[in-house]
Amino acid sequence: MDGVGPAAYSKNHGGVYGKYMFDKKTFAGEFNYDRNTNHYYGYNSEDSILDKDPDRTTIQYVWVKAESGIKSLEA
């Protein structure tokens, strides 16, 4: 459609996980990143009153997780 704003979106995710095991201990870690962007649509993109950047909403999440534990050798 001509003359209206974009209706594009994006979903991005990245993550890393690692685990290291010793004889009696375990360490684990995790890092994740999510980013979601939605563009508004249905407005006149040629309108000079509108600011061109806030035609989208971006939500970002970053989280880090760490764990440790002790292995029990007794059954």
PDB file of N, CA and C in Angstrom:
ATOM      1  N   MET A   1       0.847  -1.183   0.000  1.00  0.00           N
ATOM      2  CA  MET A   1       0.000   0.000   0.000  1.00  0.00           C
ATOM      3  C   MET A   1       0.887   1.239   0.000  1.00  0.00           C
ATOM      4  N   ASP A   2       0.521   2.175  -0.790  1.00  0.00           N
ATOM      5  CA  ASP A   2       1.277   3.421  -0.864  1.00  0.00           C
ATOM      6  C   ASP A   2       0.732   4.428   0.140  1.00  0.00           C
ATOM      7  N   GLY A   3       1.641   5.222   0.718  1.00  0.00           N
ATOM      8  CA  GLY A   3       1.240   6.318   1.580  1.00  0.00           C
ATOM      9  C   GLY A   3       0.928   5.952   3.014  1.00  0.00           C
ATOM     10  N   VAL A   4       1.140   4.705   3.404  1.00  0.00           N
ATOM     11  CA  VAL A   4       0.916   4.326   4.805  1.00  0.00           C
ATOM     12  C   VAL A   4       2.215   3.789   5.383  1.00  0.00           C
ATOM     13  N   GLY A   5       2.323   3.810   6.706  1.00  0.00           N
ATOM     14  CA  GLY A   5       3.546   3.367   7.371  1.00  0.00           C
ATOM     15  C   GLY A   5       3.770   1.874   7.269  1.00  0.00           C
ATOM     16  N   PRO A   6       4.971   1.405   7.562  1.00  0.00           N
ATOM     17  CA  PRO A   6       5.294  -0.017   7.440  1.00  0.00           C
ATOM     18  C   PRO A   6       4.608  -0.844   8.525  1.00  0.00           C
ATOM     19  N   ALA A   7       4.315  -2.085   8.201  1.00  0.00           N
ATOM     20  CA  ALA A   7       3.718  -3.005   9.169  1.00  0.00           C
ATOM     21  C   ALA A   7       4.717  -4.102   9.522  1.00  0.00           C
ATOM     22  N   ALA A   8       5.985  -3.787   9.481  1.00  0.00           N
ATOM     23  CA  ALA A   8       7.026  -4.781   9.725  1.00  0.00           C
ATOM     24  C   ALA A   8       7.165  -5.069  11.221  1.00  0.00           C
ATOM     25  N   TYR A   9       7.760  -6.197  11.532  1.00  0.00           N
ATOM     26  CA  TYR A   9       8.064  -6.550  12.909  1.00  0.00           C
ATOM     27  C   TYR A   9       9.331  -7.397  12.919  1.00  0.00           C
ATOM     28  N   SER A  10       9.932  -7.543  14.086  1.00  0.00           N
ATOM     29  CA  SER A  10      11.090  -8.430  14.213  1.00  0.00           C
ATOM     30  C   SER A  10      11.091  -9.061  15.592  1.00  0.00           C
ATOM     31  N   LYS A  11      11.506 -10.314  15.644  1.00  0.00           N
ATOM     32  CA  LYS A  11      11.686 -11.048  16.897  1.00  0.00           C
ATOM     33  C   LYS A  11      13.092 -11.618  16.868  1.00  0.00           C
ATOM     34  N   ASN A  12      13.910 -11.231  17.840  1.00  0.00           N
ATOM     35  CA  ASN A  12      15.286 -11.693  17.898  1.00  0.00           C
ATOM     36  C   ASN A  12      15.545 -12.344  19.244  1.00  0.00           C
ATOM     37  N   HIS A  13      16.271 -13.460  19.233  1.00  0.00           N
ATOM     38  CA  HIS A  13      16.643 -14.149  20.465  1.00  0.00           C
ATOM     39  C   HIS A  13      18.061 -14.679  20.318  1.00  0.00           C
ATOM     40  N   GLY A  14      18.819 -14.535  21.371  1.00  0.00           N
ATOM     41  CA  GLY A  14      20.154 -15.114  21.422  1.00  0.00           C
ATOM     42  C   GLY A  14      20.410 -15.622  22.827  1.00  0.00           C
ATOM     43  N   GLY A  15      21.120 -16.722  22.931  1.00  0.00           N
ATOM     44  CA  GLY A  15      21.387 -17.267  24.251  1.00  0.00           C
ATOM     45  C   GLY A  15      22.632 -18.135  24.261  1.00  0.00           C
ATOM     46  N   VAL A  16      23.244 -18.193  25.431  1.00  0.00           N
ATOM     47  CA  VAL A  16      24.425 -19.014  25.644  1.00  0.00           C
ATOM     48  C   VAL A  16      24.228 -19.767  26.953  1.00  0.00           C
ATOM     49  N   TYR A  17      24.571 -21.058  26.954  1.00  0.00           N
ATOM     50  CA  TYR A  17      24.475 -21.885  28.152  1.00  0.00           C
ATOM     51  C   TYR A  17      25.776 -22.660  28.302  1.00  0.00           C
ATOM     52  N   GLY A  18      26.255 -22.780  29.505  1.00  0.00           N
ATOM     53  CA  GLY A  18      27.462 -23.548  29.755  1.00  0.00           C
ATOM     54  C   GLY A  18      27.391 -24.266  31.089  1.00  0.00           C
ATOM     55  N   LYS A  19      28.037 -25.420  31.142  1.00  0.00           N
ATOM     56  CA  LYS A  19      28.055 -26.203  32.373  1.00  0.00           C
ATOM     57  C   LYS A  19      29.446 -26.808  32.529  1.00  0.00           C
ATOM     58  N   TYR A  20      29.999 -26.703  33.736  1.00  0.00           N
ATOM     59  CA  TYR A  20      31.319 -27.251  34.022  1.00  0.00           C
ATOM     60  C   TYR A  20      31.188 -28.158  35.234  1.00  0.00           C
ATOM     61  N   MET A  21      31.672 -29.389  35.120  1.00  0.00           N
ATOM     62  CA  MET A  21      31.533 -30.367  36.196  1.00  0.00           C
ATOM     63  C   MET A  21      32.909 -30.743  36.746  1.00  0.00           C
ATOM     64  N   PHE A  22      33.024 -30.644  38.054  1.00  0.00           N
ATOM     65  CA  PHE A  22      34.206 -31.106  38.780  1.00  0.00           C
ATOM     66  C   PHE A  22      33.876 -32.467  39.387  1.00  0.00           C
ATOM     67  N   ASP A  23      34.784 -33.002  40.205  1.00  0.00           N
ATOM     68  CA  ASP A  23      34.515 -34.290  40.854  1.00  0.00           C
ATOM     69  C   ASP A  23      33.314 -34.226  41.791  1.00  0.00           C
ATOM     70  N   LYS A  24      33.212 -33.146  42.550  1.00  0.00           N
ATOM     71  CA  LYS A  24      32.132 -33.059  43.532  1.00  0.00           C
ATOM     72  C   LYS A  24      31.251 -31.828  43.366  1.00  0.00           C
ATOM     73  N   LYS A  25      31.553 -30.966  42.422  1.00  0.00           N
ATOM     74  CA  LYS A  25      30.786 -29.728  42.254  1.00  0.00           C
ATOM     75  C   LYS A  25      30.403 -29.532  40.796  1.00  0.00           C
ATOM     76  N   THR A  26      29.338 -28.774  40.603  1.00  0.00           N
ATOM     77  CA  THR A  26      28.864 -28.437  39.259  1.00  0.00           C
ATOM     78  C   THR A  26      28.564 -26.947  39.216  1.00  0.00           C
ATOM     79  N   PHE A  27      29.013 -26.286  38.173  1.00  0.00           N
ATOM     80  CA  PHE A  27      28.700 -24.878  37.941  1.00  0.00           C
ATOM     81  C   PHE A  27      28.018 -24.758  36.582  1.00  0.00           C
ATOM     82  N   ALA A  28      26.963 -23.972  36.528  1.00  0.00           N
ATOM     83  CA  ALA A  28      26.242 -23.761  35.270  1.00  0.00           C
ATOM     84  C   ALA A  28      25.896 -22.283  35.151  1.00  0.00           C
ATOM     85  N   GLY A  29      25.862 -21.799  33.935  1.00  0.00           N
ATOM     86  CA  GLY A  29      25.507 -20.400  33.698  1.00  0.00           C
ATOM     87  C   GLY A  29      24.745 -20.242  32.398  1.00  0.00           C
ATOM     88  N   GLU A  30      23.967 -19.188  32.326  1.00  0.00           N
ATOM     89  CA  GLU A  30      23.131 -18.950  31.151  1.00  0.00           C
ATOM     90  C   GLU A  30      22.978 -17.449  30.944  1.00  0.00           C
ATOM     91  N   PHE A  31      23.008 -17.018  29.710  1.00  0.00           N
ATOM     92  CA  PHE A  31      22.782 -15.625  29.331  1.00  0.00           C
ATOM     93  C   PHE A  31      21.815 -15.610  28.157  1.00  0.00           C
ATOM     94  N   ASN A  32      20.746 -14.814  28.239  1.00  0.00           N
ATOM     95  CA  ASN A  32      19.746 -14.741  27.175  1.00  0.00           C
ATOM     96  C   ASN A  32      19.417 -13.293  26.843  1.00  0.00           C
ATOM     97  N   TYR A  33      19.030 -13.080  25.606  1.00  0.00           N
ATOM     98  CA  TYR A  33      18.639 -11.754  25.122  1.00  0.00           C
ATOM     99  C   TYR A  33      17.464 -11.908  24.158  1.00  0.00           C
ATOM    100  N   ASP A  34      16.397 -11.171  24.391  1.00  0.00           N
ATOM    101  CA  ASP A  34      15.230 -11.136  23.508  1.00  0.00           C
ATOM    102  C   ASP A  34      14.945  -9.702  23.121  1.00  0.00           C
ATOM    103  N   ARG A  35      14.582  -9.500  21.858  1.00  0.00           N
ATOM    104  CA  ARG A  35      14.218  -8.169  21.372  1.00  0.00           C
ATOM    105  C   ARG A  35      13.041  -8.321  20.416  1.00  0.00           C
ATOM    106  N   ASN A  36      11.954  -7.624  20.706  1.00  0.00           N
ATOM    107  CA  ASN A  36      10.767  -7.644  19.861  1.00  0.00           C
ATOM    108  C   ASN A  36      10.438  -6.216  19.434  1.00  0.00           C
ATOM    109  N   THR A  37      10.246  -6.008  18.139  1.00  0.00           N
ATOM    110  CA  THR A  37       9.905  -4.694  17.609  1.00  0.00           C
ATOM    111  C   THR A  37       8.627  -4.802  16.784  1.00  0.00           C
ATOM    112  N   ASN A  38       7.680  -3.930  17.049  1.00  0.00           N
ATOM    113  CA  ASN A  38       6.446  -3.844  16.275  1.00  0.00           C
ATOM    114  C   ASN A  38       6.327  -2.444  15.715  1.00  0.00           C
ATOM    115  N   HIS A  39       6.000  -2.350  14.434  1.00  0.00           N
ATOM    116  CA  HIS A  39       5.779  -1.060  13.788  1.00  0.00           C
ATOM    117  C   HIS A  39       4.275  -0.811  13.699  1.00  0.00           C
ATOM    118  N   TYR A  40       3.892   0.405  13.977  1.00  0.00           N
ATOM    119  CA  TYR A  40       2.493   0.780  13.818  1.00  0.00           C
ATOM    120  C   TYR A  40       2.181   0.899  12.337  1.00  0.00           C
ATOM    121  N   TYR A  41       0.946   0.738  11.962  1.00  0.00           N
ATOM    122  CA  TYR A  41       0.573   0.820  10.557  1.00  0.00           C
ATOM    123  C   TYR A  41      -0.782   1.504  10.425  1.00  0.00           C
ATOM    124  N   GLY A  42      -1.123   1.884   9.199  1.00  0.00           N
ATOM    125  CA  GLY A  42      -2.420   2.476   8.932  1.00  0.00           C
ATOM    126  C   GLY A  42      -2.457   3.983   9.063  1.00  0.00           C
ATOM    127  N   TYR A  43      -1.340   4.637   9.279  1.00  0.00           N
ATOM    128  CA  TYR A  43      -1.305   6.090   9.349  1.00  0.00           C
ATOM    129  C   TYR A  43      -0.691   6.627   8.065  1.00  0.00           C
ATOM    130  N   ASN A  44      -0.911   7.881   7.807  1.00  0.00           N
ATOM    131  CA  ASN A  44      -0.375   8.522   6.612  1.00  0.00           C
ATOM    132  C   ASN A  44       1.112   8.803   6.830  1.00  0.00           C
ATOM    133  N   SER A  45       1.983   8.081   6.123  1.00  0.00           N
ATOM    134  CA  SER A  45       3.423   8.231   6.325  1.00  0.00           C
ATOM    135  C   SER A  45       3.968   9.512   5.717  1.00  0.00           C
ATOM    136  N   GLU A  46       3.175  10.207   4.912  1.00  0.00           N
ATOM    137  CA  GLU A  46       3.622  11.459   4.306  1.00  0.00           C
ATOM    138  C   GLU A  46       3.248  12.673   5.151  1.00  0.00           C
ATOM    139  N   ASP A  47       2.622  12.441   6.294  1.00  0.00           N
ATOM    140  CA  ASP A  47       2.232  13.525   7.192  1.00  0.00           C
ATOM    141  C   ASP A  47       3.484  14.104   7.841  1.00  0.00           C
ATOM    142  N   SER A  48       3.728  15.393   7.654  1.00  0.00           N
ATOM    143  CA  SER A  48       4.948  16.014   8.159  1.00  0.00           C
ATOM    144  C   SER A  48       4.892  16.289   9.661  1.00  0.00           C
ATOM    145  N   ILE A  49       3.737  16.170  10.281  1.00  0.00           N
ATOM    146  CA  ILE A  49       3.612  16.422  11.713  1.00  0.00           C
ATOM    147  C   ILE A  49       4.165  15.247  12.521  1.00  0.00           C
ATOM    148  N   LEU A  50       4.078  14.048  11.995  1.00  0.00           N
ATOM    149  CA  LEU A  50       4.517  12.859  12.722  1.00  0.00           C
ATOM    150  C   LEU A  50       6.036  12.791  12.822  1.00  0.00           C
ATOM    151  N   ASP A  51       6.500  12.438  13.998  1.00  0.00           N
ATOM    152  CA  ASP A  51       7.921  12.144  14.180  1.00  0.00           C
ATOM    153  C   ASP A  51       8.166  10.766  13.589  1.00  0.00           C
ATOM    154  N   LYS A  52       9.167  10.601  12.769  1.00  0.00           N
ATOM    155  CA  LYS A  52       9.363   9.358  12.018  1.00  0.00           C
ATOM    156  C   LYS A  52       9.868   8.201  12.875  1.00  0.00           C
ATOM    157  N   ASP A  53      10.505   8.454  14.024  1.00  0.00           N
ATOM    158  CA  ASP A  53      11.064   7.362  14.810  1.00  0.00           C
ATOM    159  C   ASP A  53      10.068   6.643  15.712  1.00  0.00           C
ATOM    160  N   PRO A  54       9.120   7.320  16.385  1.00  0.00           N
ATOM    161  CA  PRO A  54       8.259   6.591  17.311  1.00  0.00           C
ATOM    162  C   PRO A  54       7.125   5.818  16.635  1.00  0.00           C
ATOM    163  N   ASP A  55       7.309   5.430  15.363  1.00  0.00           N
ATOM    164  CA  ASP A  55       6.289   4.611  14.704  1.00  0.00           C
ATOM    165  C   ASP A  55       6.501   3.135  15.024  1.00  0.00           C
ATOM    166  N   ARG A  56       7.295   2.853  16.056  1.00  0.00           N
ATOM    167  CA  ARG A  56       7.526   1.478  16.444  1.00  0.00           C
ATOM    168  C   ARG A  56       7.689   1.382  17.955  1.00  0.00           C
ATOM    169  N   THR A  57       7.512   0.192  18.460  1.00  0.00           N
ATOM    170  CA  THR A  57       7.713  -0.103  19.872  1.00  0.00           C
ATOM    171  C   THR A  57       8.737  -1.220  19.965  1.00  0.00           C
ATOM    172  N   THR A  58       9.778  -1.023  20.764  1.00  0.00           N
ATOM    173  CA  THR A  58      10.812  -2.031  20.932  1.00  0.00           C
ATOM    174  C   THR A  58      10.856  -2.446  22.396  1.00  0.00           C
ATOM    175  N   ILE A  59      10.793  -3.753  22.636  1.00  0.00           N
ATOM    176  CA  ILE A  59      10.876  -4.315  23.979  1.00  0.00           C
ATOM    177  C   ILE A  59      12.107  -5.213  24.015  1.00  0.00           C
ATOM    178  N   GLN A  60      12.964  -4.996  25.002  1.00  0.00           N
ATOM    179  CA  GLN A  60      14.188  -5.788  25.123  1.00  0.00           C
ATOM    180  C   GLN A  60      14.249  -6.425  26.507  1.00  0.00           C
ATOM    181  N   TYR A  61      14.651  -7.687  26.541  1.00  0.00           N
ATOM    182  CA  TYR A  61      14.839  -8.425  27.787  1.00  0.00           C
ATOM    183  C   TYR A  61      16.248  -9.006  27.799  1.00  0.00           C
ATOM    184  N   VAL A  62      16.937  -8.863  28.921  1.00  0.00           N
ATOM    185  CA  VAL A  62      18.244  -9.477  29.119  1.00  0.00           C
ATOM    186  C   VAL A  62      18.188 -10.173  30.469  1.00  0.00           C
ATOM    187  N   TRP A  63      18.589 -11.447  30.515  1.00  0.00           N
ATOM    188  CA  TRP A  63      18.641 -12.114  31.796  1.00  0.00           C
ATOM    189  C   TRP A  63      19.848 -13.029  31.883  1.00  0.00           C
ATOM    190  N   VAL A  64      20.370 -13.129  33.120  1.00  0.00           N
ATOM    191  CA  VAL A  64      21.545 -13.938  33.413  1.00  0.00           C
ATOM    192  C   VAL A  64      21.164 -14.892  34.541  1.00  0.00           C
ATOM    193  N   LYS A  65      21.598 -16.128  34.419  1.00  0.00           N
ATOM    194  CA  LYS A  65      21.281 -17.139  35.419  1.00  0.00           C
ATOM    195  C   LYS A  65      22.564 -17.901  35.757  1.00  0.00           C
ATOM    196  N   ALA A  66      22.809 -18.127  37.039  1.00  0.00           N
ATOM    197  CA  ALA A  66      23.980 -18.889  37.479  1.00  0.00           C
ATOM    198  C   ALA A  66      23.533 -19.918  38.508  1.00  0.00           C
ATOM    199  N   GLU A  67      24.114 -21.111  38.422  1.00  0.00           N
ATOM    200  CA  GLU A  67      23.783 -22.183  39.357  1.00  0.00           C
ATOM    201  C   GLU A  67      25.059 -22.878  39.800  1.00  0.00           C
ATOM    202  N   SER A  68      25.029 -23.415  41.008  1.00  0.00           N
ATOM    203  CA  SER A  68      26.122 -24.262  41.491  1.00  0.00           C
ATOM    204  C   SER A  68      25.499 -25.365  42.336  1.00  0.00           C
ATOM    205  N   GLY A  69      26.216 -26.453  42.423  1.00  0.00           N
ATOM    206  CA  GLY A  69      25.686 -27.571  43.199  1.00  0.00           C
ATOM    207  C   GLY A  69      26.806 -28.503  43.651  1.00  0.00           C
ATOM    208  N   ILE A  70      26.473 -29.357  44.599  1.00  0.00           N
ATOM    209  CA  ILE A  70      27.418 -30.355  45.102  1.00  0.00           C
ATOM    210  C   ILE A  70      26.838 -31.727  44.819  1.00  0.00           C
ATOM    211  N   LYS A  71      27.636 -32.579  44.203  1.00  0.00           N
ATOM    212  CA  LYS A  71      27.182 -33.932  43.898  1.00  0.00           C
ATOM    213  C   LYS A  71      27.320 -34.797  45.146  1.00  0.00           C
ATOM    214  N   SER A  72      26.327 -35.613  45.374  1.00  0.00           N
ATOM    215  CA  SER A  72      26.375 -36.551  46.476  1.00  0.00           C
ATOM    216  C   SER A  72      26.892 -37.890  45.949  1.00  0.00           C
ATOM    217  N   LEU A  73      27.920 -38.425  46.575  1.00  0.00           N
ATOM    218  CA  LEU A  73      28.486 -39.694  46.148  1.00  0.00           C
ATOM    219  C   LEU A  73      27.842 -40.874  46.862  1.00  0.00           C
ATOM    220  N   GLU A  74      26.972 -40.586  47.808  1.00  0.00           N
ATOM    221  CA  GLU A  74      26.283 -41.646  48.544  1.00  0.00           C
ATOM    222  C   GLU A  74      25.014 -42.022  47.811  1.00  0.00           C
ATOM    223  N   ALA A  75      24.707 -43.311  47.785  1.00  0.00           N
ATOM    224  CA  ALA A  75      23.498 -43.775  47.102  1.00  0.00           C
ATOM    225  C   ALA A  75      22.359 -43.922  48.048  1.00  0.00           C
TER     226      ALA A  75
END
